[in-house]
PDB file of N, CA and C in Angstrom:
ATOM      1  N   MET A   1       0.942  -1.227   0.006  1.00  0.00           N
ATOM      2  CA  MET A   1       0.002  -0.046  -0.060  1.00  0.00           C
ATOM      3  C   MET A   1       0.932   1.235  -0.048  1.00  0.00           C
ATOM      4  N   ASP A   2       2.026   1.182   0.649  1.00  0.00           N
ATOM      5  CA  ASP A   2       2.858   2.319   0.828  1.00  0.00           C
ATOM      6  C   ASP A   2       3.486   2.551  -0.658  1.00  0.00           C
ATOM      7  N   LYS A   3       3.802   1.583  -1.441  1.00  0.00           N
ATOM      8  CA  LYS A   3       4.437   1.972  -2.700  1.00  0.00           C
ATOM      9  C   LYS A   3       3.410   2.628  -3.643  1.00  0.00           C
ATOM     10  N   LYS A   4       2.177   2.192  -3.493  1.00  0.00           N
ATOM     11  CA  LYS A   4       1.170   2.798  -4.338  1.00  0.00           C
ATOM     12  C   LYS A   4       0.875   4.207  -3.904  1.00  0.00           C
ATOM     13  N   THR A   5       0.739   4.623  -2.654  1.00  0.00           N
ATOM     14  CA  THR A   5       0.863   6.033  -2.455  1.00  0.00           C
ATOM     15  C   THR A   5       1.980   6.853  -2.760  1.00  0.00           C
ATOM     16  N   LYS A   6       3.102   6.213  -2.728  1.00  0.00           N
ATOM     17  CA  LYS A   6       4.326   6.865  -3.214  1.00  0.00           C
ATOM     18  C   LYS A   6       4.284   7.139  -4.675  1.00  0.00           C
ATOM     19  N   SER A   7       3.791   6.060  -5.505  1.00  0.00           N
ATOM     20  CA  SER A   7       3.812   6.273  -6.978  1.00  0.00           C
ATOM     21  C   SER A   7       2.768   7.313  -7.342  1.00  0.00           C
ATOM     22  N   PHE A   8       1.629   7.352  -6.512  1.00  0.00           N
ATOM     23  CA  PHE A   8       0.500   8.266  -6.917  1.00  0.00           C
ATOM     24  C   PHE A   8       0.965   9.679  -6.517  1.00  0.00           C
ATOM     25  N   LYS A   9       1.879   9.964  -5.503  1.00  0.00           N
ATOM     26  CA  LYS A   9       2.279  11.104  -5.184  1.00  0.00           C
ATOM     27  C   LYS A   9       3.310  11.673  -6.194  1.00  0.00           C
ATOM     28  N   LYS A  10       4.078  10.765  -6.800  1.00  0.00           N
ATOM     29  CA  LYS A  10       5.104  10.995  -7.891  1.00  0.00           C
ATOM     30  C   LYS A  10       4.343  11.440  -9.096  1.00  0.00           C
ATOM     31  N   LEU A  11       3.264  10.666  -9.375  1.00  0.00           N
ATOM     32  CA  LEU A  11       2.555  11.001 -10.457  1.00  0.00           C
ATOM     33  C   LEU A  11       1.739  12.198 -10.390  1.00  0.00           C
ATOM     34  N   GLY A  12       1.260  12.363  -9.283  1.00  0.00           N
ATOM     35  CA  GLY A  12       0.462  13.730  -9.045  1.00  0.00           C
ATOM     36  C   GLY A  12       1.431  14.894  -9.207  1.00  0.00           C
ATOM     37  N   ARG A  13       2.809  14.952  -8.697  1.00  0.00           N
ATOM     38  CA  ARG A  13       3.642  15.961  -8.890  1.00  0.00           C
ATOM     39  C   ARG A  13       4.040  16.321 -10.316  1.00  0.00           C
ATOM     40  N   HIS A  14       4.246  15.092 -11.037  1.00  0.00           N
ATOM     41  CA  HIS A  14       4.701  15.131 -12.471  1.00  0.00           C
ATOM     42  C   HIS A  14       3.473  15.756 -13.187  1.00  0.00           C
ATOM     43  N   LEU A  15       2.084  15.517 -12.852  1.00  0.00           N
ATOM     44  CA  LEU A  15       1.007  16.223 -13.661  1.00  0.00           C
ATOM     45  C   LEU A  15       1.104  17.593 -13.391  1.00  0.00           C
ATOM     46  N   VAL A  16       1.264  18.012 -11.905  1.00  0.00           N
ATOM     47  CA  VAL A  16       1.195  19.530 -11.686  1.00  0.00           C
ATOM     48  C   VAL A  16       2.417  20.124 -12.361  1.00  0.00           C
ATOM     49  N   ARG A  17       3.646  19.642 -12.418  1.00  0.00           N
ATOM     50  CA  ARG A  17       4.675  20.254 -13.164  1.00  0.00           C
ATOM     51  C   ARG A  17       4.347  20.470 -14.466  1.00  0.00           C
ATOM     52  N   THR A  18       3.750  19.461 -15.150  1.00  0.00           N
ATOM     53  CA  THR A  18       3.410  19.410 -16.646  1.00  0.00           C
ATOM     54  C   THR A  18       2.356  20.448 -16.835  1.00  0.00           C
ATOM     55  N   SER A  19       1.455  20.589 -16.028  1.00  0.00           N
ATOM     56  CA  SER A  19       0.523  21.655 -16.033  1.00  0.00           C
ATOM     57  C   SER A  19       1.028  23.126 -15.945  1.00  0.00           C
ATOM     58  N   ILE A  20       1.764  23.143 -15.042  1.00  0.00           N
ATOM     59  CA  ILE A  20       2.492  24.612 -14.855  1.00  0.00           C
ATOM     60  C   ILE A  20       3.372  24.959 -16.177  1.00  0.00           C
ATOM     61  N   THR A  21       4.067  23.940 -16.513  1.00  0.00           N
ATOM     62  CA  THR A  21       4.964  24.022 -17.685  1.00  0.00           C
ATOM     63  C   THR A  21       4.056  24.523 -18.995  1.00  0.00           C
ATOM     64  N   LEU A  22       2.912  23.898 -19.233  1.00  0.00           N
ATOM     65  CA  LEU A  22       1.956  24.467 -20.120  1.00  0.00           C
ATOM     66  C   LEU A  22       1.388  25.537 -20.053  1.00  0.00           C
ATOM     67  N   LEU A  23       1.030  25.949 -18.907  1.00  0.00           N
ATOM     68  CA  LEU A  23       0.400  27.245 -18.617  1.00  0.00           C
ATOM     69  C   LEU A  23       1.439  28.391 -18.753  1.00  0.00           C
ATOM     70  N   ASP A  24       2.710  28.128 -18.402  1.00  0.00           N
ATOM     71  CA  ASP A  24       3.800  29.158 -18.476  1.00  0.00           C
ATOM     72  C   ASP A  24       4.049  29.402 -19.972  1.00  0.00           C
ATOM     73  N   GLY A  25       4.126  28.364 -20.792  1.00  0.00           N
ATOM     74  CA  GLY A  25       4.251  28.465 -22.295  1.00  0.00           C
ATOM     75  C   GLY A  25       3.116  29.202 -23.044  1.00  0.00           C
ATOM     76  N   LEU A  26       1.846  29.186 -22.561  1.00  0.00           N
ATOM     77  CA  LEU A  26       1.023  29.854 -22.974  1.00  0.00           C
ATOM     78  C   LEU A  26       0.886  31.400 -22.736  1.00  0.00           C
ATOM     79  N   PHE A  27       1.325  31.633 -21.497  1.00  0.00           N
ATOM     80  CA  PHE A  27       1.415  33.055 -21.174  1.00  0.00           C
ATOM     81  C   PHE A  27       2.737  33.748 -21.559  1.00  0.00           C
ATOM     82  N   ASN A  28       3.809  32.928 -21.898  1.00  0.00           N
ATOM     83  CA  ASN A  28       5.064  33.538 -22.483  1.00  0.00           C
ATOM     84  C   ASN A  28       4.775  33.957 -23.885  1.00  0.00           C
ATOM     85  N   ASP A  29       3.897  33.051 -24.569  1.00  0.00           N
ATOM     86  CA  ASP A  29       3.403  33.461 -26.012  1.00  0.00           C
ATOM     87  C   ASP A  29       2.695  34.737 -26.049  1.00  0.00           C
ATOM     88  N   ASP A  30       1.955  35.168 -25.084  1.00  0.00           N
ATOM     89  CA  ASP A  30       1.231  36.357 -25.069  1.00  0.00           C
ATOM     90  C   ASP A  30       2.155  37.469 -24.813  1.00  0.00           C
ATOM     91  N   LEU A  31       3.078  37.209 -23.900  1.00  0.00           N
ATOM     92  CA  LEU A  31       4.143  38.298 -23.601  1.00  0.00           C
ATOM     93  C   LEU A  31       5.057  38.618 -24.803  1.00  0.00           C
ATOM     94  N   GLU A  32       5.336  37.569 -25.574  1.00  0.00           N
ATOM     95  CA  GLU A  32       6.249  37.765 -26.740  1.00  0.00           C
ATOM     96  C   GLU A  32       5.397  38.583 -27.864  1.00  0.00           C
ATOM     97  N   GLN A  33       4.128  38.173 -27.860  1.00  0.00           N
ATOM     98  CA  GLN A  33       3.217  38.994 -29.020  1.00  0.00           C
ATOM     99  C   GLN A  33       3.079  40.460 -28.526  1.00  0.00           C
ATOM    100  N   LEU A  34       2.945  40.701 -27.156  1.00  0.00           N
ATOM    101  CA  LEU A  34       2.857  42.180 -26.801  1.00  0.00           C
ATOM    102  C   LEU A  34       4.197  42.778 -27.085  1.00  0.00           C
ATOM    103  N   GLN A  35       5.181  42.237 -26.786  1.00  0.00           N
ATOM    104  CA  GLN A  35       6.524  42.827 -26.982  1.00  0.00           C
ATOM    105  C   GLN A  35       6.626  43.172 -28.637  1.00  0.00           C
ATOM    106  N   ALA A  36       6.149  42.276 -29.477  1.00  0.00           N
ATOM    107  CA  ALA A  36       6.348  42.465 -30.815  1.00  0.00           C
ATOM    108  C   ALA A  36       5.514  43.535 -31.390  1.00  0.00           C
ATOM    109  N   ILE A  37       4.209  43.718 -30.814  1.00  0.00           N
ATOM    110  CA  ILE A  37       3.462  44.912 -31.038  1.00  0.00           C
ATOM    111  C   ILE A  37       3.875  46.172 -30.691  1.00  0.00           C
ATOM    112  N   GLU A  38       4.569  46.112 -29.463  1.00  0.00           N
ATOM    113  CA  GLU A  38       5.145  47.265 -28.853  1.00  0.00           C
ATOM    114  C   GLU A  38       6.307  47.722 -29.751  1.00  0.00           C
ATOM    115  N   MET A  39       7.069  46.822 -30.454  1.00  0.00           N
ATOM    116  CA  MET A  39       8.193  47.106 -31.224  1.00  0.00           C
ATOM    117  C   MET A  39       7.767  47.870 -32.546  1.00  0.00           C
ATOM    118  N   HIS A  40       6.638  46.966 -33.110  1.00  0.00           N
ATOM    119  CA  HIS A  40       6.010  47.730 -34.247  1.00  0.00           C
ATOM    120  C   HIS A  40       5.423  48.931 -34.111  1.00  0.00           C
ATOM    121  N   ARG A  41       4.804  49.107 -32.946  1.00  0.00           N
ATOM    122  CA  ARG A  41       4.231  50.540 -32.712  1.00  0.00           C
ATOM    123  C   ARG A  41       5.241  51.606 -32.675  1.00  0.00           C
ATOM    124  N   ASN A  42       6.531  51.400 -31.994  1.00  0.00           N
ATOM    125  CA  ASN A  42       7.492  52.296 -31.931  1.00  0.00           C
ATOM    126  C   ASN A  42       8.261  52.425 -33.337  1.00  0.00           C
ATOM    127  N   GLN A  43       8.299  51.624 -34.123  1.00  0.00           N
ATOM    128  CA  GLN A  43       8.849  51.705 -35.333  1.00  0.00           C
ATOM    129  C   GLN A  43       7.909  52.611 -36.328  1.00  0.00           C
ATOM    130  N   LEU A  44       6.679  52.378 -36.261  1.00  0.00           N
ATOM    131  CA  LEU A  44       5.657  53.203 -36.974  1.00  0.00           C
ATOM    132  C   LEU A  44       5.626  54.667 -36.608  1.00  0.00           C
ATOM    133  N   ILE A  45       5.732  54.883 -35.191  1.00  0.00           N
ATOM    134  CA  ILE A  45       5.661  56.333 -34.725  1.00  0.00           C
ATOM    135  C   ILE A  45       6.912  56.947 -35.341  1.00  0.00           C
ATOM    136  N   ASP A  46       8.135  56.329 -35.205  1.00  0.00           N
ATOM    137  CA  ASP A  46       9.395  56.890 -35.712  1.00  0.00           C
ATOM    138  C   ASP A  46       9.298  57.062 -37.177  1.00  0.00           C
ATOM    139  N   ALA A  47       8.616  56.126 -38.022  1.00  0.00           N
ATOM    140  CA  ALA A  47       8.659  56.429 -39.493  1.00  0.00           C
ATOM    141  C   ALA A  47       7.505  57.544 -39.700  1.00  0.00           C
ATOM    142  N   ALA A  48       6.638  57.714 -39.081  1.00  0.00           N
ATOM    143  CA  ALA A  48       5.612  58.773 -39.103  1.00  0.00           C
ATOM    144  C   ALA A  48       6.430  60.251 -38.989  1.00  0.00           C
ATOM    145  N   ARG A  49       7.077  60.196 -37.838  1.00  0.00           N
ATOM    146  CA  ARG A  49       7.932  61.469 -37.587  1.00  0.00           C
ATOM    147  C   ARG A  49       8.847  61.840 -38.602  1.00  0.00           C
ATOM    148  N   ARG A  50       9.490  60.976 -39.165  1.00  0.00           N
ATOM    149  CA  ARG A  50      10.211  61.104 -40.153  1.00  0.00           C
ATOM    150  C   ARG A  50       9.766  61.127 -41.694  1.00  0.00           C
ATOM    151  N   LYS A  51       8.537  60.941 -41.724  1.00  0.00           N
ATOM    152  CA  LYS A  51       7.606  60.926 -42.973  1.00  0.00           C
ATOM    153  C   LYS A  51       8.438  59.931 -44.008  1.00  0.00           C
ATOM    154  N   ALA A  52       8.689  58.905 -43.478  1.00  0.00           N
ATOM    155  CA  ALA A  52       9.223  57.645 -44.122  1.00  0.00           C
ATOM    156  C   ALA A  52       8.226  56.682 -44.782  1.00  0.00           C
ATOM    157  N   LEU A  53       8.676  55.994 -45.814  1.00  0.00           N
ATOM    158  CA  LEU A  53       7.833  54.869 -46.453  1.00  0.00           C
ATOM    159  C   LEU A  53       7.959  53.620 -45.572  1.00  0.00           C
ATOM    160  N   VAL A  54       6.800  53.085 -45.375  1.00  0.00           N
ATOM    161  CA  VAL A  54       6.834  52.059 -44.647  1.00  0.00           C
ATOM    162  C   VAL A  54       6.240  50.731 -45.414  1.00  0.00           C
ATOM    163  N   VAL A  55       6.833  49.569 -45.376  1.00  0.00           N
ATOM    164  CA  VAL A  55       6.309  48.373 -45.983  1.00  0.00           C
ATOM    165  C   VAL A  55       5.882  47.368 -44.691  1.00  0.00           C
ATOM    166  N   LEU A  56       4.648  47.005 -44.711  1.00  0.00           N
ATOM    167  CA  LEU A  56       4.067  46.092 -43.782  1.00  0.00           C
ATOM    168  C   LEU A  56       3.830  44.818 -44.379  1.00  0.00           C
ATOM    169  N   GLN A  57       4.338  43.761 -43.672  1.00  0.00           N
ATOM    170  CA  GLN A  57       4.025  42.513 -44.140  1.00  0.00           C
ATOM    171  C   GLN A  57       2.822  41.927 -42.971  1.00  0.00           C
ATOM    172  N   LEU A  58       1.581  41.590 -43.640  1.00  0.00           N
ATOM    173  CA  LEU A  58       0.398  41.329 -42.776  1.00  0.00           C
ATOM    174  C   LEU A  58       0.057  39.848 -42.705  1.00  0.00           C
ATOM    175  N   LYS A  59      -0.323  39.347 -41.584  1.00  0.00           N
ATOM    176  CA  LYS A  59      -0.872  38.027 -41.473  1.00  0.00           C
ATOM    177  C   LYS A  59      -2.184  38.046 -42.161  1.00  0.00           C
ATOM    178  N   THR A  60      -2.659  37.186 -42.910  1.00  0.00           N
ATOM    179  CA  THR A  60      -4.010  37.217 -43.388  1.00  0.00           C
ATOM    180  C   THR A  60      -4.813  35.843 -43.041  1.00  0.00           C
ATOM    181  N   LYS A  61      -5.861  35.802 -42.894  1.00  0.00           N
ATOM    182  CA  LYS A  61      -6.670  34.726 -42.527  1.00  0.00           C
ATOM    183  C   LYS A  61      -7.228  34.106 -43.816  1.00  0.00           C
ATOM    184  N   LYS A  62      -7.461  35.222 -44.689  1.00  0.00           N
ATOM    185  CA  LYS A  62      -8.350  34.497 -45.985  1.00  0.00           C
ATOM    186  C   LYS A  62      -7.115  33.960 -47.109  1.00  0.00           C
ATOM    187  N   VAL A  63      -6.030  34.480 -47.149  1.00  0.00           N
ATOM    188  CA  VAL A  63      -5.044  33.964 -48.102  1.00  0.00           C
ATOM    189  C   VAL A  63      -3.834  33.355 -47.276  1.00  0.00           C
ATOM    190  N   ALA A  64      -3.484  32.166 -47.814  1.00  0.00           N
ATOM    191  CA  ALA A  64      -2.490  31.379 -47.036  1.00  0.00           C
ATOM    192  C   ALA A  64      -1.085  32.239 -47.074  1.00  0.00           C
ATOM    193  N   ASN A  65      -0.893  33.207 -47.899  1.00  0.00           N
ATOM    194  CA  ASN A  65       0.468  33.762 -48.141  1.00  0.00           C
ATOM    195  C   ASN A  65       0.209  35.200 -47.328  1.00  0.00           C
ATOM    196  N   PHE A  66       1.261  35.891 -47.228  1.00  0.00           N
ATOM    197  CA  PHE A  66       1.333  37.117 -46.558  1.00  0.00           C
ATOM    198  C   PHE A  66       0.705  38.271 -47.551  1.00  0.00           C
ATOM    199  N   GLU A  67       0.263  39.413 -46.945  1.00  0.00           N
ATOM    200  CA  GLU A  67      -0.167  40.505 -47.693  1.00  0.00           C
ATOM    201  C   GLU A  67       0.704  41.707 -47.376  1.00  0.00           C
ATOM    202  N   THR A  68       1.167  42.266 -48.409  1.00  0.00           N
ATOM    203  CA  THR A  68       2.014  43.462 -48.254  1.00  0.00           C
ATOM    204  C   THR A  68       1.383  44.849 -48.485  1.00  0.00           C
ATOM    205  N   VAL A  69       1.665  45.800 -47.620  1.00  0.00           N
ATOM    206  CA  VAL A  69       1.022  47.074 -47.792  1.00  0.00           C
ATOM    207  C   VAL A  69       2.155  48.252 -47.782  1.00  0.00           C
ATOM    208  N   VAL A  70       2.290  49.004 -48.835  1.00  0.00           N
ATOM    209  CA  VAL A  70       3.275  50.008 -48.913  1.00  0.00           C
ATOM    210  C   VAL A  70       2.693  51.398 -48.660  1.00  0.00           C
ATOM    211  N   GLY A  71       3.140  52.151 -48.017  1.00  0.00           N
ATOM    212  CA  GLY A  71       2.505  53.666 -47.731  1.00  0.00           C
ATOM    213  C   GLY A  71       3.148  54.406 -46.508  1.00  0.00           C
ATOM    214  N   PHE A  72       2.405  55.359 -46.261  1.00  0.00           N
ATOM    215  CA  PHE A  72       2.977  56.259 -45.362  1.00  0.00           C
ATOM    216  C   PHE A  72       2.163  56.422 -44.067  1.00  0.00           C
ATOM    217  N   VAL A  73       2.533  56.394 -42.883  1.00  0.00           N
ATOM    218  CA  VAL A  73       1.908  56.540 -41.677  1.00  0.00           C
ATOM    219  C   VAL A  73       1.387  57.944 -41.455  1.00  0.00           C
ATOM    220  N   THR A  74      -0.003  58.005 -41.291  1.00  0.00           N
ATOM    221  CA  THR A  74      -0.520  59.433 -41.212  1.00  0.00           C
ATOM    222  C   THR A  74      -0.531  60.143 -40.029  1.00  0.00           C
ATOM    223  N   THR A  75      -0.307  59.551 -38.960  1.00  0.00           N
ATOM    224  CA  THR A  75      -0.395  60.120 -37.647  1.00  0.00           C
ATOM    225  C   THR A  75       0.962  60.331 -36.963  1.00  0.00           C
ATOM    226  N   LYS A  76       1.244  61.273 -36.122  1.00  0.00           N
ATOM    227  CA  LYS A  76       2.528  61.362 -35.505  1.00  0.00           C
ATOM    228  C   LYS A  76       2.178  61.113 -33.934  1.00  0.00           C
ATOM    229  N   ARG A  77       0.936  61.048 -33.589  1.00  0.00           N
ATOM    230  CA  ARG A  77       0.590  60.746 -32.055  1.00  0.00           C
ATOM    231  C   ARG A  77       0.723  59.376 -31.874  1.00  0.00           C
ATOM    232  N   LYS A  78       0.448  58.901 -30.538  1.00  0.00           N
ATOM    233  CA  LYS A  78       0.655  57.675 -30.092  1.00  0.00           C
ATOM    234  C   LYS A  78      -0.342  56.750 -30.878  1.00  0.00           C
ATOM    235  N   ILE A  79       0.164  55.556 -31.304  1.00  0.00           N
ATOM    236  CA  ILE A  79      -0.697  54.645 -31.980  1.00  0.00           C
ATOM    237  C   ILE A  79      -1.150  53.443 -30.930  1.00  0.00           C
ATOM    238  N   ASP A  80      -2.411  53.441 -30.781  1.00  0.00           N
ATOM    239  CA  ASP A  80      -2.824  52.331 -29.734  1.00  0.00           C
ATOM    240  C   ASP A  80      -2.978  50.963 -30.333  1.00  0.00           C
ATOM    241  N   GLN A  81      -4.084  50.632 -30.876  1.00  0.00           N
ATOM    242  CA  GLN A  81      -4.284  49.288 -31.387  1.00  0.00           C
ATOM    243  C   GLN A  81      -4.312  49.119 -32.958  1.00  0.00           C
ATOM    244  N   GLN A  82      -4.407  50.386 -33.631  1.00  0.00           N
ATOM    245  CA  GLN A  82      -4.456  50.510 -35.026  1.00  0.00           C
ATOM    246  C   GLN A  82      -3.699  51.536 -35.645  1.00  0.00           C
ATOM    247  N   VAL A  83      -3.341  51.396 -36.806  1.00  0.00           N
ATOM    248  CA  VAL A  83      -2.403  52.389 -37.363  1.00  0.00           C
ATOM    249  C   VAL A  83      -3.067  52.754 -38.840  1.00  0.00           C
ATOM    250  N   VAL A  84      -3.113  53.932 -39.214  1.00  0.00           N
ATOM    251  CA  VAL A  84      -3.622  54.379 -40.558  1.00  0.00           C
ATOM    252  C   VAL A  84      -2.584  54.662 -41.480  1.00  0.00           C
ATOM    253  N   ILE A  85      -2.662  53.897 -42.784  1.00  0.00           N
ATOM    254  CA  ILE A  85      -1.702  54.078 -43.765  1.00  0.00           C
ATOM    255  C   ILE A  85      -2.182  54.764 -44.913  1.00  0.00           C
ATOM    256  N   LYS A  86      -1.448  55.719 -45.538  1.00  0.00           N
ATOM    257  CA  LYS A  86      -1.893  56.181 -46.736  1.00  0.00           C
ATOM    258  C   LYS A  86      -1.187  55.437 -47.891  1.00  0.00           C
ATOM    259  N   ILE A  87      -1.904  54.837 -48.718  1.00  0.00           N
ATOM    260  CA  ILE A  87      -1.362  53.771 -49.738  1.00  0.00           C
ATOM    261  C   ILE A  87      -0.457  54.619 -50.762  1.00  0.00           C
ATOM    262  N   GLN A  88       0.564  54.051 -50.980  1.00  0.00           N
ATOM    263  CA  GLN A  88       1.743  54.821 -51.794  1.00  0.00           C
ATOM    264  C   GLN A  88       1.186  55.174 -53.197  1.00  0.00           C
ATOM    265  N   ASN A  89       0.649  54.295 -53.915  1.00  0.00           N
ATOM    266  CA  ASN A  89       0.189  54.459 -55.385  1.00  0.00           C
ATOM    267  C   ASN A  89      -1.111  55.387 -55.312  1.00  0.00           C
ATOM    268  N   ASN A  90      -1.939  55.539 -54.261  1.00  0.00           N
ATOM    269  CA  ASN A  90      -3.063  56.236 -54.391  1.00  0.00           C
ATOM    270  C   ASN A  90      -3.033  57.037 -52.892  1.00  0.00           C
ATOM    271  N   LEU A  91      -2.643  58.253 -52.836  1.00  0.00           N
ATOM    272  CA  LEU A  91      -2.480  58.951 -51.504  1.00  0.00           C
ATOM    273  C   LEU A  91      -3.880  59.190 -51.066  1.00  0.00           C
ATOM    274  N   GLN A  92      -4.855  59.167 -51.781  1.00  0.00           N
ATOM    275  CA  GLN A  92      -6.179  59.483 -51.323  1.00  0.00           C
ATOM    276  C   GLN A  92      -6.956  58.295 -50.592  1.00  0.00           C
ATOM    277  N   GLN A  93      -6.222  57.008 -50.757  1.00  0.00           N
ATOM    278  CA  GLN A  93      -6.770  55.878 -50.177  1.00  0.00           C
ATOM    279  C   GLN A  93      -6.189  55.549 -48.876  1.00  0.00           C
ATOM    280  N   LEU A  94      -7.091  55.459 -47.766  1.00  0.00           N
ATOM    281  CA  LEU A  94      -6.352  55.171 -46.530  1.00  0.00           C
ATOM    282  C   LEU A  94      -6.662  53.736 -46.202  1.00  0.00           C
ATOM    283  N   ARG A  95      -5.876  53.173 -45.472  1.00  0.00           N
ATOM    284  CA  ARG A  95      -5.970  51.761 -44.839  1.00  0.00           C
ATOM    285  C   ARG A  95      -5.695  51.534 -43.445  1.00  0.00           C
ATOM    286  N   ILE A  96      -6.862  51.151 -42.619  1.00  0.00           N
ATOM    287  CA  ILE A  96      -6.619  51.075 -41.195  1.00  0.00           C
ATOM    288  C   ILE A  96      -6.167  49.502 -41.015  1.00  0.00           C
ATOM    289  N   ILE A  97      -4.957  49.394 -40.129  1.00  0.00           N
ATOM    290  CA  ILE A  97      -4.502  48.192 -39.842  1.00  0.00           C
ATOM    291  C   ILE A  97      -4.334  47.770 -38.533  1.00  0.00           C
ATOM    292  N   ALA A  98      -4.722  46.853 -37.976  1.00  0.00           N
ATOM    293  CA  ALA A  98      -4.518  46.412 -36.591  1.00  0.00           C
ATOM    294  C   ALA A  98      -3.253  46.019 -36.490  1.00  0.00           C
ATOM    295  N   LEU A  99      -2.565  46.513 -35.293  1.00  0.00           N
ATOM    296  CA  LEU A  99      -1.171  46.090 -34.948  1.00  0.00           C
ATOM    297  C   LEU A  99      -0.852  44.691 -34.658  1.00  0.00           C
ATOM    298  N   GLN A 100      -1.825  43.879 -34.214  1.00  0.00           N
ATOM    299  CA  GLN A 100      -1.734  42.448 -34.114  1.00  0.00           C
ATOM    300  C   GLN A 100      -1.512  41.726 -35.353  1.00  0.00           C
ATOM    301  N   ASP A 101      -2.015  42.327 -36.302  1.00  0.00           N
ATOM    302  CA  ASP A 101      -2.007  41.682 -37.767  1.00  0.00           C
ATOM    303  C   ASP A 101      -0.633  41.741 -38.472  1.00  0.00           C
ATOM    304  N   ILE A 102       0.184  42.660 -37.933  1.00  0.00           N
ATOM    305  CA  ILE A 102       1.323  42.997 -38.693  1.00  0.00           C
ATOM    306  C   ILE A 102       2.480  41.914 -38.270  1.00  0.00           C
ATOM    307  N   GLU A 103       3.010  41.457 -39.244  1.00  0.00           N
ATOM    308  CA  GLU A 103       4.178  40.379 -38.979  1.00  0.00           C
ATOM    309  C   GLU A 103       5.470  41.128 -39.044  1.00  0.00           C
ATOM    310  N   LYS A 104       5.676  42.005 -40.000  1.00  0.00           N
ATOM    311  CA  LYS A 104       7.106  42.539 -40.022  1.00  0.00           C
ATOM    312  C   LYS A 104       6.941  43.939 -40.664  1.00  0.00           C
ATOM    313  N   VAL A 105       7.726  44.898 -40.076  1.00  0.00           N
ATOM    314  CA  VAL A 105       7.780  46.311 -40.375  1.00  0.00           C
ATOM    315  C   VAL A 105       9.157  46.741 -41.164  1.00  0.00           C
ATOM    316  N   SER A 106       9.033  47.304 -42.358  1.00  0.00           N
ATOM    317  CA  SER A 106      10.288  47.728 -42.929  1.00  0.00           C
ATOM    318  C   SER A 106      10.154  49.224 -43.267  1.00  0.00           C
ATOM    319  N   VAL A 107      11.014  50.119 -42.921  1.00  0.00           N
ATOM    320  CA  VAL A 107      11.038  51.596 -42.992  1.00  0.00           C
ATOM    321  C   VAL A 107      12.182  52.045 -44.082  1.00  0.00           C
ATOM    322  N   LEU A 108      11.664  52.649 -45.147  1.00  0.00           N
ATOM    323  CA  LEU A 108      12.514  53.349 -46.037  1.00  0.00           C
ATOM    324  C   LEU A 108      12.549  54.714 -45.988  1.00  0.00           C
ATOM    325  N   ASP A 109      13.710  55.206 -45.555  1.00  0.00           N
ATOM    326  CA  ASP A 109      13.811  56.798 -45.472  1.00  0.00           C
ATOM    327  C   ASP A 109      13.740  57.337 -46.743  1.00  0.00           C
ATOM    328  N   THR A 110      12.773  58.203 -47.168  1.00  0.00           N
ATOM    329  CA  THR A 110      12.886  58.899 -48.394  1.00  0.00           C
ATOM    330  C   THR A 110      13.839  60.091 -48.488  1.00  0.00           C
ATOM    331  N   LYS A 111      14.186  60.709 -47.308  1.00  0.00           N
ATOM    332  CA  LYS A 111      15.148  61.857 -47.350  1.00  0.00           C
ATOM    333  C   LYS A 111      16.497  61.411 -47.807  1.00  0.00           C
ATOM    334  N   THR A 112      17.141  60.376 -47.259  1.00  0.00           N
ATOM    335  CA  THR A 112      18.433  60.003 -47.573  1.00  0.00           C
ATOM    336  C   THR A 112      18.262  58.723 -48.568  1.00  0.00           C
ATOM    337  N   LYS A 113      18.829  58.760 -49.705  1.00  0.00           N
ATOM    338  CA  LYS A 113      18.603  57.769 -50.635  1.00  0.00           C
ATOM    339  C   LYS A 113      19.375  56.522 -50.249  1.00  0.00           C
ATOM    340  N   HIS A 114      18.696  55.408 -50.407  1.00  0.00           N
ATOM    341  CA  HIS A 114      19.254  54.067 -50.388  1.00  0.00           C
ATOM    342  C   HIS A 114      19.497  53.705 -48.916  1.00  0.00           C
ATOM    343  N   LYS A 115      18.730  54.204 -47.970  1.00  0.00           N
ATOM    344  CA  LYS A 115      18.830  53.993 -46.618  1.00  0.00           C
ATOM    345  C   LYS A 115      17.570  53.066 -46.239  1.00  0.00           C
ATOM    346  N   LEU A 116      17.806  51.781 -45.771  1.00  0.00           N
ATOM    347  CA  LEU A 116      16.680  50.921 -45.536  1.00  0.00           C
ATOM    348  C   LEU A 116      16.885  50.523 -44.078  1.00  0.00           C
ATOM    349  N   ILE A 117      15.876  50.646 -43.490  1.00  0.00           N
ATOM    350  CA  ILE A 117      15.802  50.310 -42.075  1.00  0.00           C
ATOM    351  C   ILE A 117      14.633  49.106 -41.890  1.00  0.00           C
ATOM    352  N   ALA A 118      15.236  47.898 -41.697  1.00  0.00           N
ATOM    353  CA  ALA A 118      14.264  46.682 -41.791  1.00  0.00           C
ATOM    354  C   ALA A 118      14.513  45.976 -40.353  1.00  0.00           C
ATOM    355  N   LYS A 119      13.376  45.821 -39.658  1.00  0.00           N
ATOM    356  CA  LYS A 119      13.464  45.132 -38.329  1.00  0.00           C
ATOM    357  C   LYS A 119      12.363  44.053 -38.357  1.00  0.00           C
TER     358      LYS A 119
END
């Protein structure tokens, strides 16, 4: 009987450790996503201040591949959850993009030729 209780205790401890590890992995993914969103937000604010051309690679649910948007950030104020982009080919057209949908941001500084800032 004593061996059974010891093995049950070991099994219980193993299950608890496994559950904690799984939960920790879930919470860390959220933390990494929030850090990536904050980094993209700072890049977009900087691009707006410099009036630089931005290239955004977006995650899309409809298409298996990524979508690319090229344009200028319209605001110099703090960006919360969304950013407004003036499309490069048609400056009359605006596009609102959620920060959580952005996979990658590249900034092309138009004032100094051939300077590409990609992160």
